[in-house]
Amino acid sequence: MFKTIRYFFICLFLISITSCQYKLRDDLFLDYFKNPLEKYNPEDKEQRLGITQSMLNIENFIILLDNSQSMYEPYAGATKFAQAKKILSGFKTTLPNLHLNCAVRTFNDCNCTNTDKTELVFGITDYSEESFRNFIHSPEIFPVKSPLAKAIDATGEDLKSVFGNIAVIIISDGKIYDNSAISSILRLKTKYGKRLCVYTILIGNEPHGKSYMNKLALAGICGISRRADCLATKQCMHEFVKSVFLSKTRLTASMQKIDTDGDGIFDYMDLCPDTVTGLKVNSKGCPVDKDNDGVYDYMDRCPDTPSKSTVDKYGCASKDSDGDGIDDSTDQCPNTPVGIAVNSKGCSESDSDGDGISDSKDQCISTPKGAKVNEFGCWIVAGLHFELDRWDINDAYFSNLDEIIQILLDNPKLKVEIQGHTDDIGTVEHNKTLSDMRANAVMRHLIRRGIHPNRLTAIGYGNRRPLTMSKTPDGRVKNRRVEIRPIY
């Protein structure tokens, strides 16, 4: 009994000591992570740097601003989004009014449709503290969402008209899990060379984010990466602004030897830093493409495509049946009439004759106003169908022809071809005769109602132009019809 009590007190004593140690460590942990962003005042004029125009080493800077969903996560008493705006404000306060061109482009990861996934939301324009302040507090600062890689690629176009040196500043939490953005930075660096340097600002403290933002800066060769927590201090903000505007950091010897994908091409020279292991690469670190069609050989099903050929995603020469500039493999409207402007899907958004069928799908593109059309945009005698092997018009259908008569009366110069059709039952010769009789039956009715014969032509097409391929009773009824086609 005594031993049991003794062990019980020893256990209590150890638990008490352990609890005190954990409490002490927790206090130290909180002190260590006390974040300067929480009390940072970005409008404090004391952080203004005394930079003059003659001291500048660059003439242009563009900021790529992350608006991904992760930027709305909490960090240091606010969202990462709010902290990014705070750092932008501090950046603005630190930098005096100088003759510089500036711009801001946003990017995000949303799955939204009908919107650009990256957008230039400010500039390129002359830098001024006032205009930059107004922009930071405007609703346009984060209008859309887009991947960083696409934003960087678009930046290449944004900058094509500027002269002088360029600083690209990327503000993000670094939650990007592929190397596409690094590849884009390398392409941008290849395009602008020594004129351009990349600087990154990390919002947050995730190890992956820090590593990724460092890689982005490294890909630009002459930039640096800093955390927003650091830039919330006067000394760190001064150091960062001086690095961007007054000097250029060079690669260290250790940096020059990094080869992420192990293809033998160091990252600072590698335009494809995420090449699949084992693939043969060229001097730029990209897989071989011997026919230069833009599709790497290991993915190319047609590796010997003739020079300058337009190819599909498999590297094979493409086909464009309707000549609208969109390959058949992606053309959603492969029978667009010649000369019609189309969108990226090969379809026309316009409707020239106003019949409700877009021009790219309209097989009868000059239908008169007010005419009822079928799904192909062709003028039909709505509701008029014929009994099997009959051509006479039932008295109940005469009212369906009134619309045709009225349109012809409203357009006295309009001439039309009345086209008769049949289903697939019967011989070709019989159906041709039957369709002629159906077309003539409609023409005779129009003449009796006052339409001059010189304006009318009747022709039968038999079963050569079915509206539907269905052999059901309903499908055959639809094919026993008459259509009206204007003659211009």
Protein backbone atom coordinates (compact mmCIF):
# COMPACT_ATOMS: atom_id res chain seq x y z
CA MET A 1 0.00 0.00 0.00
CA PHE A 2 2.80 2.43 0.84
CA LYS A 3 4.63 1.73 -2.42
CA THR A 4 1.48 2.41 -4.42
CA ILE A 5 0.98 5.80 -2.75
CA ARG A 6 4.65 6.71 -3.27
CA TYR A 7 4.48 5.98 -7.00
CA PHE A 8 1.27 7.98 -7.23
CA PHE A 9 2.94 11.11 -5.81
CA ILE A 10 5.95 10.66 -8.07
CA CYS A 11 3.62 10.57 -11.09
CA LEU A 12 1.84 13.71 -9.95
CA PHE A 13 5.14 15.49 -9.49
CA LEU A 14 6.34 14.58 -12.99
CA ILE A 15 3.05 15.68 -14.53
CA SER A 16 3.31 19.04 -12.75
CA ILE A 17 6.85 19.61 -14.00
CA THR A 18 5.88 18.63 -17.55
CA SER A 19 2.90 20.99 -17.54
CA CYS A 20 5.08 23.90 -16.47
CA GLN A 21 7.60 23.11 -19.21
CA TYR A 22 4.92 23.02 -21.90
CA LYS A 23 3.43 26.30 -20.68
CA LEU A 24 6.86 27.91 -20.73
CA ARG A 25 7.57 26.66 -24.27
CA ASP A 26 4.18 27.86 -25.48
CA ASP A 27 4.94 31.37 -24.17
CA LEU A 28 8.29 31.34 -25.93
CA PHE A 29 6.59 30.09 -29.12
CA LEU A 30 4.11 32.99 -29.08
CA ASP A 31 6.87 35.57 -28.46
CA TYR A 32 8.96 34.13 -31.27
CA PHE A 33 6.09 34.41 -33.78
CA LYS A 34 4.93 37.85 -32.74
CA ASN A 35 4.30 39.35 -36.17
CA PRO A 36 5.28 42.93 -37.11
CA LEU A 37 2.53 42.97 -39.77
CA GLU A 38 -0.12 43.28 -37.05
CA LYS A 39 1.08 46.75 -35.98
CA TYR A 40 2.62 47.82 -39.28
CA ASN A 41 1.55 51.33 -40.44
CA PRO A 42 2.14 51.48 -44.21
CA GLU A 43 1.39 55.23 -44.32
CA ASP A 44 4.21 56.18 -41.92
CA LYS A 45 6.14 58.88 -43.81
CA GLU A 46 9.27 58.24 -41.75
CA GLN A 47 10.00 55.20 -43.92
CA ARG A 48 10.32 57.37 -47.07
CA LEU A 49 13.66 56.80 -48.81
CA GLY A 50 15.73 59.70 -50.08
CA ILE A 51 16.10 58.40 -53.62
CA THR A 52 16.71 60.80 -56.52
CA GLN A 53 16.15 60.25 -60.23
CA SER A 54 19.88 60.04 -60.97
CA MET A 55 20.26 57.14 -58.54
CA LEU A 56 17.78 54.90 -60.36
CA ASN A 57 18.96 51.78 -62.12
CA ILE A 58 15.60 50.88 -63.74
CA GLU A 59 12.92 52.72 -65.69
CA ASN A 60 9.99 50.30 -65.37
CA PHE A 61 8.42 47.99 -62.79
CA ILE A 62 5.40 45.68 -62.91
CA ILE A 63 3.78 43.89 -59.96
CA LEU A 64 2.12 40.47 -60.40
CA LEU A 65 -0.40 40.21 -57.58
CA ASP A 66 -1.81 36.88 -56.39
CA ASN A 67 -5.58 36.80 -55.90
CA SER A 68 -5.91 33.04 -55.46
CA GLN A 69 -8.43 31.63 -53.02
CA SER A 70 -5.64 30.88 -50.55
CA MET A 71 -4.94 34.62 -50.32
CA TYR A 72 -8.20 34.98 -48.38
CA GLU A 73 -6.94 32.74 -45.59
CA PRO A 74 -6.22 34.46 -42.25
CA TYR A 75 -2.67 35.58 -41.49
CA ALA A 76 -1.29 37.91 -38.80
CA GLY A 77 -4.67 39.25 -37.75
CA ALA A 78 -6.11 39.76 -41.25
CA THR A 79 -6.41 37.95 -44.59
CA LYS A 80 -3.34 37.47 -46.75
CA PHE A 81 -5.17 39.66 -49.27
CA ALA A 82 -5.33 42.53 -46.75
CA GLN A 83 -1.67 42.05 -45.83
CA ALA A 84 -0.73 42.22 -49.52
CA LYS A 85 -2.54 45.57 -49.84
CA LYS A 86 -0.76 46.77 -46.70
CA ILE A 87 2.65 45.89 -48.16
CA LEU A 88 1.73 47.61 -51.42
CA SER A 89 0.83 50.73 -49.45
CA GLY A 90 4.14 50.57 -47.56
CA PHE A 91 5.99 50.12 -50.84
CA LYS A 92 4.23 53.21 -52.18
CA THR A 93 5.06 55.25 -49.07
CA THR A 94 8.74 54.23 -49.15
CA LEU A 95 9.21 55.07 -52.83
CA PRO A 96 9.18 58.83 -53.61
CA ASN A 97 7.60 60.28 -56.75
CA LEU A 98 10.04 59.57 -59.57
CA HIS A 99 9.85 59.22 -63.34
CA LEU A 100 9.05 55.51 -63.64
CA ASN A 101 6.59 53.41 -65.62
CA CYS A 102 4.56 51.09 -63.43
CA ALA A 103 1.83 48.45 -63.81
CA VAL A 104 -0.06 45.82 -61.81
CA ARG A 105 -1.37 42.52 -63.17
CA THR A 106 -3.46 40.08 -61.09
CA PHE A 107 -3.61 36.28 -61.31
CA ASN A 108 -5.76 33.62 -59.65
CA ASP A 109 -6.83 29.99 -59.58
CA CYS A 110 -10.63 30.21 -59.99
CA ASN A 111 -12.59 27.89 -62.28
CA CYS A 112 -14.89 30.68 -63.43
CA THR A 113 -15.96 30.88 -67.08
CA ASN A 114 -16.35 33.80 -69.50
CA THR A 115 -13.64 35.81 -67.76
CA ASP A 116 -9.95 36.31 -68.37
CA LYS A 117 -7.91 34.44 -65.79
CA THR A 118 -5.33 37.19 -65.59
CA GLU A 119 -5.78 40.91 -66.13
CA LEU A 120 -3.68 44.04 -66.33
CA VAL A 121 -5.51 46.17 -63.76
CA PHE A 122 -3.22 49.19 -63.52
CA GLY A 123 -0.92 50.83 -66.10
CA ILE A 124 1.41 50.66 -67.80
CA THR A 125 1.51 54.32 -66.77
CA ASP A 126 3.72 56.98 -65.16
CA TYR A 127 4.23 56.24 -61.49
CA SER A 128 2.85 58.66 -58.92
CA GLU A 129 2.18 58.08 -55.25
CA GLU A 130 -1.35 59.48 -55.51
CA SER A 131 -2.48 57.35 -58.47
CA PHE A 132 -0.92 54.25 -56.92
CA ARG A 133 -2.67 54.94 -53.60
CA ASN A 134 -6.03 55.37 -55.36
CA PHE A 135 -5.53 52.12 -57.21
CA ILE A 136 -4.65 50.15 -54.05
CA HIS A 137 -7.91 51.21 -52.43
CA SER A 138 -10.04 50.72 -55.56
CA PRO A 139 -12.26 47.67 -56.23
CA GLU A 140 -10.35 46.94 -59.44
CA ILE A 141 -7.28 45.69 -57.60
CA PHE A 142 -8.43 42.06 -57.58
CA PRO A 143 -11.09 41.78 -60.32
CA VAL A 144 -10.40 38.30 -61.65
CA LYS A 145 -8.54 35.07 -60.89
CA SER A 146 -5.75 33.42 -62.86
CA PRO A 147 -2.70 31.11 -62.64
CA LEU A 148 0.61 32.89 -62.10
CA ALA A 149 2.15 31.32 -65.21
CA LYS A 150 -0.50 32.90 -67.43
CA ALA A 151 -0.01 36.26 -65.72
CA ILE A 152 3.75 36.10 -66.36
CA ASP A 153 3.21 35.18 -70.01
CA ALA A 154 0.81 38.11 -70.41
CA THR A 155 3.39 40.36 -68.74
CA GLY A 156 5.69 39.68 -71.68
CA GLU A 157 3.10 41.36 -73.90
CA ASP A 158 2.48 44.16 -71.39
CA LEU A 159 6.14 45.14 -71.50
CA LYS A 160 6.86 44.90 -75.22
CA SER A 161 6.51 48.64 -75.79
CA VAL A 162 8.68 49.85 -72.89
CA PHE A 163 12.34 50.84 -72.97
CA GLY A 164 15.03 50.53 -70.32
CA ASN A 165 15.44 48.14 -67.40
CA ILE A 166 12.49 46.35 -65.81
CA ALA A 167 11.65 45.02 -62.34
CA VAL A 168 8.92 42.36 -62.07
CA ILE A 169 7.60 42.14 -58.49
CA ILE A 170 5.46 39.11 -57.59
CA ILE A 171 3.36 39.18 -54.40
CA SER A 172 1.91 35.79 -53.45
CA ASP A 173 1.63 33.14 -50.76
CA GLY A 174 3.50 30.77 -53.09
CA LYS A 175 0.82 28.08 -53.00
CA ILE A 176 1.64 26.92 -56.52
CA TYR A 177 2.45 23.27 -57.04
CA ASP A 178 3.95 23.01 -60.53
CA ASN A 179 6.89 24.59 -62.35
CA SER A 180 4.85 26.32 -65.05
CA ALA A 181 5.41 29.75 -63.48
CA ILE A 182 9.15 29.15 -63.30
CA SER A 183 9.15 28.20 -66.98
CA SER A 184 7.27 31.41 -67.76
CA ILE A 185 9.81 33.47 -65.82
CA LEU A 186 12.63 31.84 -67.80
CA ARG A 187 10.87 32.65 -71.09
CA LEU A 188 10.35 36.22 -69.92
CA LYS A 189 14.03 36.44 -68.95
CA THR A 190 15.08 35.08 -72.34
CA LYS A 191 12.96 37.71 -74.06
CA TYR A 192 14.20 40.72 -72.09
CA GLY A 193 17.62 39.47 -70.97
CA LYS A 194 19.69 41.58 -68.58
CA ARG A 195 17.07 44.35 -68.73
CA LEU A 196 14.72 42.38 -66.48
CA CYS A 197 14.96 41.15 -62.87
CA VAL A 198 12.35 39.33 -60.78
CA TYR A 199 11.61 40.11 -57.13
CA THR A 200 9.17 38.20 -54.93
CA ILE A 201 7.28 39.00 -51.72
CA LEU A 202 5.91 36.06 -49.73
CA ILE A 203 2.61 36.56 -47.89
CA GLY A 204 2.53 33.89 -45.19
CA ASN A 205 5.05 31.54 -43.64
CA GLU A 206 4.52 28.14 -45.28
CA PRO A 207 7.84 26.43 -46.11
CA HIS A 208 6.64 25.43 -49.58
CA GLY A 209 5.57 28.99 -50.35
CA LYS A 210 8.93 30.35 -49.25
CA SER A 211 10.79 27.79 -51.36
CA TYR A 212 8.66 28.49 -54.45
CA MET A 213 9.01 32.26 -54.21
CA ASN A 214 12.78 31.85 -53.85
CA LYS A 215 12.82 29.73 -57.02
CA LEU A 216 10.91 32.41 -58.93
CA ALA A 217 13.41 35.08 -57.91
CA LEU A 218 16.29 32.75 -58.74
CA ALA A 219 14.86 32.09 -62.22
CA GLY A 220 15.09 35.83 -62.87
CA ILE A 221 18.82 35.63 -62.03
CA CYS A 222 19.20 39.15 -60.62
CA GLY A 223 16.33 39.53 -58.12
CA ILE A 224 15.71 38.70 -54.45
CA SER A 225 12.88 37.24 -52.35
CA ARG A 226 11.57 38.65 -49.06
CA ARG A 227 8.70 37.87 -46.67
CA ALA A 228 6.00 40.46 -46.02
CA ASP A 229 6.76 40.08 -42.30
CA CYS A 230 10.25 41.39 -42.98
CA LEU A 231 9.06 44.26 -45.19
CA ALA A 232 6.85 45.45 -42.34
CA THR A 233 10.05 46.71 -40.72
CA LYS A 234 11.65 49.94 -41.90
CA GLN A 235 15.11 48.48 -42.37
CA CYS A 236 13.93 45.54 -44.46
CA MET A 237 11.64 47.69 -46.65
CA HIS A 238 14.52 50.10 -47.31
CA GLU A 239 16.81 47.22 -48.24
CA PHE A 240 14.20 45.75 -50.60
CA VAL A 241 13.39 49.03 -52.36
CA LYS A 242 17.10 49.78 -52.79
CA SER A 243 17.64 46.30 -54.27
CA VAL A 244 14.82 46.82 -56.77
CA PHE A 245 15.54 50.39 -57.83
CA LEU A 246 19.23 50.99 -57.17
CA SER A 247 21.19 47.78 -57.71
CA LYS A 248 21.08 44.29 -59.16
CA THR A 249 21.92 41.13 -57.22
CA ARG A 250 24.02 38.57 -59.13
CA LEU A 251 23.88 34.80 -58.99
CA THR A 252 26.21 33.18 -56.52
CA ALA A 253 28.33 30.24 -57.63
CA SER A 254 26.09 27.80 -55.72
CA MET A 255 22.96 29.21 -57.37
CA GLN A 256 24.42 28.66 -60.83
CA LYS A 257 24.80 24.92 -60.21
CA ILE A 258 21.13 24.13 -59.42
CA ASP A 259 19.51 21.68 -61.87
CA THR A 260 16.02 20.83 -60.55
CA ASP A 261 15.01 18.31 -63.24
CA GLY A 262 18.45 16.74 -63.62
CA ASP A 263 18.60 17.16 -67.40
CA GLY A 264 22.12 18.63 -67.40
CA ILE A 265 20.94 22.22 -67.97
CA PHE A 266 21.20 24.51 -64.93
CA ASP A 267 17.92 26.14 -63.86
CA TYR A 268 19.00 29.69 -64.70
CA MET A 269 19.44 28.59 -68.34
CA ASP A 270 16.64 25.96 -68.45
CA LEU A 271 13.47 27.05 -70.26
CA CYS A 272 11.80 23.76 -69.25
CA PRO A 273 12.87 23.19 -65.61
CA ASP A 274 10.35 20.39 -65.02
CA THR A 275 11.31 18.04 -67.88
CA VAL A 276 10.39 14.38 -67.32
CA THR A 277 13.40 12.37 -66.13
CA GLY A 278 15.28 10.55 -68.88
CA LEU A 279 14.11 12.63 -71.85
CA LYS A 280 16.67 13.94 -74.30
CA VAL A 281 16.77 17.75 -74.20
CA ASN A 282 18.19 20.54 -76.34
CA SER A 283 20.58 23.29 -75.25
CA LYS A 284 17.68 25.20 -73.66
CA GLY A 285 16.67 22.26 -71.47
CA CYS A 286 13.50 21.40 -73.41
CA PRO A 287 12.58 18.00 -74.95
CA VAL A 288 13.63 17.53 -78.58
CA ASP A 289 11.19 18.60 -81.33
CA LYS A 290 12.97 17.70 -84.56
CA ASP A 291 10.19 18.81 -86.93
CA ASN A 292 9.74 22.12 -85.04
CA ASP A 293 5.95 21.84 -84.95
CA GLY A 294 5.68 22.79 -81.28
CA VAL A 295 4.95 19.22 -80.14
CA TYR A 296 7.85 17.43 -78.41
CA ASP A 297 8.98 14.20 -80.10
CA TYR A 298 7.99 12.00 -77.16
CA MET A 299 4.37 13.24 -77.58
CA ASP A 300 4.43 13.63 -81.38
CA ARG A 301 2.47 11.00 -83.31
CA CYS A 302 3.67 12.53 -86.60
CA PRO A 303 7.36 13.44 -85.91
CA ASP A 304 8.15 14.23 -89.56
CA THR A 305 5.49 16.86 -90.27
CA PRO A 306 6.55 19.20 -93.13
CA SER A 307 7.95 22.57 -92.09
CA LYS A 308 5.44 25.32 -91.21
CA SER A 309 2.51 22.88 -91.14
CA THR A 310 -0.36 23.63 -88.78
CA VAL A 311 -0.65 20.66 -86.43
CA ASP A 312 -3.07 19.38 -83.80
CA LYS A 313 -2.16 18.57 -80.19
CA TYR A 314 -0.70 15.23 -81.35
CA GLY A 315 1.70 16.88 -83.81
CA CYS A 316 -0.19 15.80 -86.93
CA ALA A 317 -1.13 18.09 -89.81
CA SER A 318 -4.52 19.57 -89.09
CA LYS A 319 -7.60 19.69 -91.32
CA ASP A 320 -9.96 22.64 -91.68
CA SER A 321 -12.88 21.52 -93.84
CA ASP A 322 -14.81 24.81 -93.83
CA GLY A 323 -11.74 27.05 -94.13
CA ASP A 324 -12.57 29.16 -91.09
CA GLY A 325 -9.11 28.86 -89.53
CA ILE A 326 -10.23 26.43 -86.81
CA ASP A 327 -8.98 22.85 -86.96
CA ASP A 328 -11.72 20.23 -87.44
CA SER A 329 -10.65 18.49 -84.23
CA THR A 330 -11.78 21.49 -82.16
CA ASP A 331 -14.34 23.07 -84.54
CA GLN A 332 -17.80 22.92 -82.96
CA CYS A 333 -19.34 24.29 -86.17
CA PRO A 334 -17.43 22.43 -88.94
CA ASN A 335 -19.77 23.52 -91.76
CA THR A 336 -19.59 27.30 -91.37
CA PRO A 337 -20.34 29.10 -94.67
CA VAL A 338 -17.30 30.60 -96.42
CA GLY A 339 -16.42 34.13 -95.36
CA ILE A 340 -18.17 34.07 -91.97
CA ALA A 341 -16.06 35.33 -89.04
CA VAL A 342 -15.86 32.77 -86.22
CA ASN A 343 -14.77 32.58 -82.58
CA SER A 344 -12.17 30.22 -81.07
CA LYS A 345 -14.68 27.35 -81.22
CA GLY A 346 -15.22 27.81 -84.96
CA CYS A 347 -18.72 29.23 -84.52
CA SER A 348 -20.09 32.59 -85.52
CA GLU A 349 -21.74 34.73 -82.90
CA SER A 350 -23.52 36.81 -85.54
CA ASP A 351 -26.98 36.14 -86.99
CA SER A 352 -27.12 38.06 -90.27
CA ASP A 353 -30.75 37.31 -91.11
CA GLY A 354 -32.04 37.58 -87.54
CA ASP A 355 -33.75 34.21 -87.55
CA GLY A 356 -32.30 33.08 -84.21
CA ILE A 357 -29.76 30.70 -85.77
CA SER A 358 -26.10 31.83 -85.71
CA ASP A 359 -24.48 32.22 -89.12
CA SER A 360 -22.05 29.37 -88.48
CA LYS A 361 -24.96 26.92 -88.09
CA ASP A 362 -27.34 28.59 -90.56
CA GLN A 363 -27.68 26.64 -93.81
CA CYS A 364 -30.07 29.27 -95.24
CA ILE A 365 -28.33 32.51 -94.31
CA SER A 366 -30.60 34.96 -96.17
CA THR A 367 -34.01 34.10 -94.73
CA PRO A 368 -36.45 37.06 -94.91
CA LYS A 369 -37.40 38.81 -91.70
CA GLY A 370 -40.32 37.16 -89.91
CA ALA A 371 -39.97 33.76 -91.60
CA LYS A 372 -40.24 30.69 -89.39
CA VAL A 373 -37.17 28.47 -89.66
CA ASN A 374 -36.10 25.00 -88.59
CA GLU A 375 -33.04 24.17 -86.49
CA PHE A 376 -30.81 24.74 -89.53
CA GLY A 377 -32.13 28.24 -90.19
CA CYS A 378 -34.13 27.27 -93.28
CA TRP A 379 -37.55 28.76 -94.06
CA ILE A 380 -40.27 26.16 -93.64
CA VAL A 381 -44.02 26.02 -94.03
CA ALA A 382 -44.55 25.54 -90.30
CA GLY A 383 -46.94 22.76 -89.39
CA LEU A 384 -47.46 21.59 -92.99
CA HIS A 385 -46.89 17.85 -93.38
CA PHE A 386 -48.21 15.35 -95.90
CA GLU A 387 -49.85 11.98 -95.51
CA LEU A 388 -47.83 8.99 -96.72
CA ASP A 389 -47.63 9.00 -100.52
CA ARG A 390 -49.92 12.09 -100.79
CA TRP A 391 -49.26 15.56 -102.19
CA ASP A 392 -52.57 17.37 -101.69
CA ILE A 393 -52.79 19.99 -98.94
CA ASN A 394 -55.37 19.31 -96.27
CA ASP A 395 -57.77 22.25 -95.80
CA ALA A 396 -56.66 22.46 -92.16
CA TYR A 397 -53.14 23.46 -93.29
CA PHE A 398 -54.08 26.43 -95.53
CA SER A 399 -53.75 28.85 -92.62
CA ASN A 400 -50.11 27.70 -92.24
CA LEU A 401 -49.40 29.17 -95.67
CA ASP A 402 -50.71 32.63 -94.72
CA GLU A 403 -47.34 33.58 -93.18
CA ILE A 404 -45.56 32.76 -96.46
CA ILE A 405 -48.07 34.82 -98.43
CA GLN A 406 -47.73 37.83 -96.12
CA ILE A 407 -43.91 37.84 -96.32
CA LEU A 408 -44.11 37.70 -100.13
CA LEU A 409 -46.61 40.57 -100.16
CA ASP A 410 -44.35 42.62 -97.83
CA ASN A 411 -41.35 41.97 -100.12
CA PRO A 412 -42.71 42.44 -103.67
CA LYS A 413 -39.30 41.91 -105.31
CA LEU A 414 -38.57 38.66 -103.46
CA LYS A 415 -38.52 35.47 -105.52
CA VAL A 416 -38.55 32.03 -103.91
CA GLU A 417 -37.89 28.41 -104.70
CA ILE A 418 -40.51 26.05 -103.24
CA GLN A 419 -38.77 22.78 -102.35
CA GLY A 420 -40.68 19.52 -101.89
CA HIS A 421 -39.30 16.59 -99.84
CA THR A 422 -40.28 13.00 -99.01
CA ASP A 423 -39.35 10.31 -96.51
CA ASP A 424 -37.28 7.24 -97.39
CA ILE A 425 -40.18 4.92 -98.27
CA GLY A 426 -40.44 4.12 -101.98
CA THR A 427 -38.08 4.23 -104.97
CA VAL A 428 -35.90 7.20 -105.85
CA GLU A 429 -37.91 7.88 -109.02
CA HIS A 430 -41.25 7.72 -107.22
CA ASN A 431 -40.10 10.02 -104.42
CA LYS A 432 -38.73 12.56 -106.94
CA THR A 433 -42.13 12.72 -108.67
CA LEU A 434 -43.98 12.86 -105.34
CA SER A 435 -41.81 15.74 -104.06
CA ASP A 436 -42.36 17.68 -107.33
CA MET A 437 -46.12 17.35 -106.84
CA ARG A 438 -45.92 18.56 -103.24
CA ALA A 439 -43.92 21.64 -104.25
CA ASN A 440 -46.35 22.40 -107.09
CA ALA A 441 -49.34 22.02 -104.75
CA VAL A 442 -47.96 24.80 -102.53
CA MET A 443 -47.07 26.97 -105.54
CA ARG A 444 -50.61 26.71 -106.97
CA HIS A 445 -52.07 27.82 -103.63
CA LEU A 446 -49.79 30.87 -103.50
CA ILE A 447 -50.76 31.84 -107.06
CA ARG A 448 -54.46 31.55 -106.19
CA ARG A 449 -53.81 33.96 -103.28
CA GLY A 450 -52.35 36.62 -105.55
CA ILE A 451 -48.61 35.89 -105.79
CA HIS A 452 -47.36 36.32 -109.40
CA PRO A 453 -46.11 33.06 -110.99
CA ASN A 454 -42.87 34.77 -112.16
CA ARG A 455 -41.81 35.01 -108.51
CA LEU A 456 -42.22 31.29 -107.84
CA THR A 457 -40.25 28.17 -108.78
CA ALA A 458 -41.20 24.65 -107.67
CA ILE A 459 -38.73 21.75 -107.46
CA GLY A 460 -38.74 18.35 -105.76
CA TYR A 461 -35.69 16.80 -104.06
CA GLY A 462 -37.21 13.41 -103.28
CA ASN A 463 -35.58 11.88 -100.22
CA ARG A 464 -32.10 13.31 -100.94
CA ARG A 465 -32.28 16.05 -98.27
CA PRO A 466 -33.79 14.51 -95.12
CA LEU A 467 -34.32 16.78 -92.14
CA THR A 468 -33.70 13.82 -89.84
CA MET A 469 -32.18 10.38 -90.38
CA SER A 470 -34.72 8.80 -88.04
CA LYS A 471 -36.75 5.96 -89.56
CA THR A 472 -39.42 6.17 -86.87
CA PRO A 473 -42.97 7.23 -87.84
CA ASP A 474 -42.39 10.68 -86.29
CA GLY A 475 -39.05 11.08 -88.08
CA ARG A 476 -40.60 10.24 -91.44
CA VAL A 477 -43.45 12.73 -90.87
CA LYS A 478 -40.84 15.49 -90.39
CA ASN A 479 -39.18 14.60 -93.69
CA ARG A 480 -42.48 14.82 -95.65
CA ARG A 481 -42.33 18.61 -95.84
CA VAL A 482 -41.98 21.76 -97.97
CA GLU A 483 -39.26 24.42 -97.51
CA ILE A 484 -39.05 27.90 -99.01
CA ARG A 485 -35.69 29.30 -100.16
CA PRO A 486 -35.27 32.93 -101.30
CA ILE A 487 -33.66 33.52 -104.71
CA TYR A 488 -31.51 36.65 -104.87
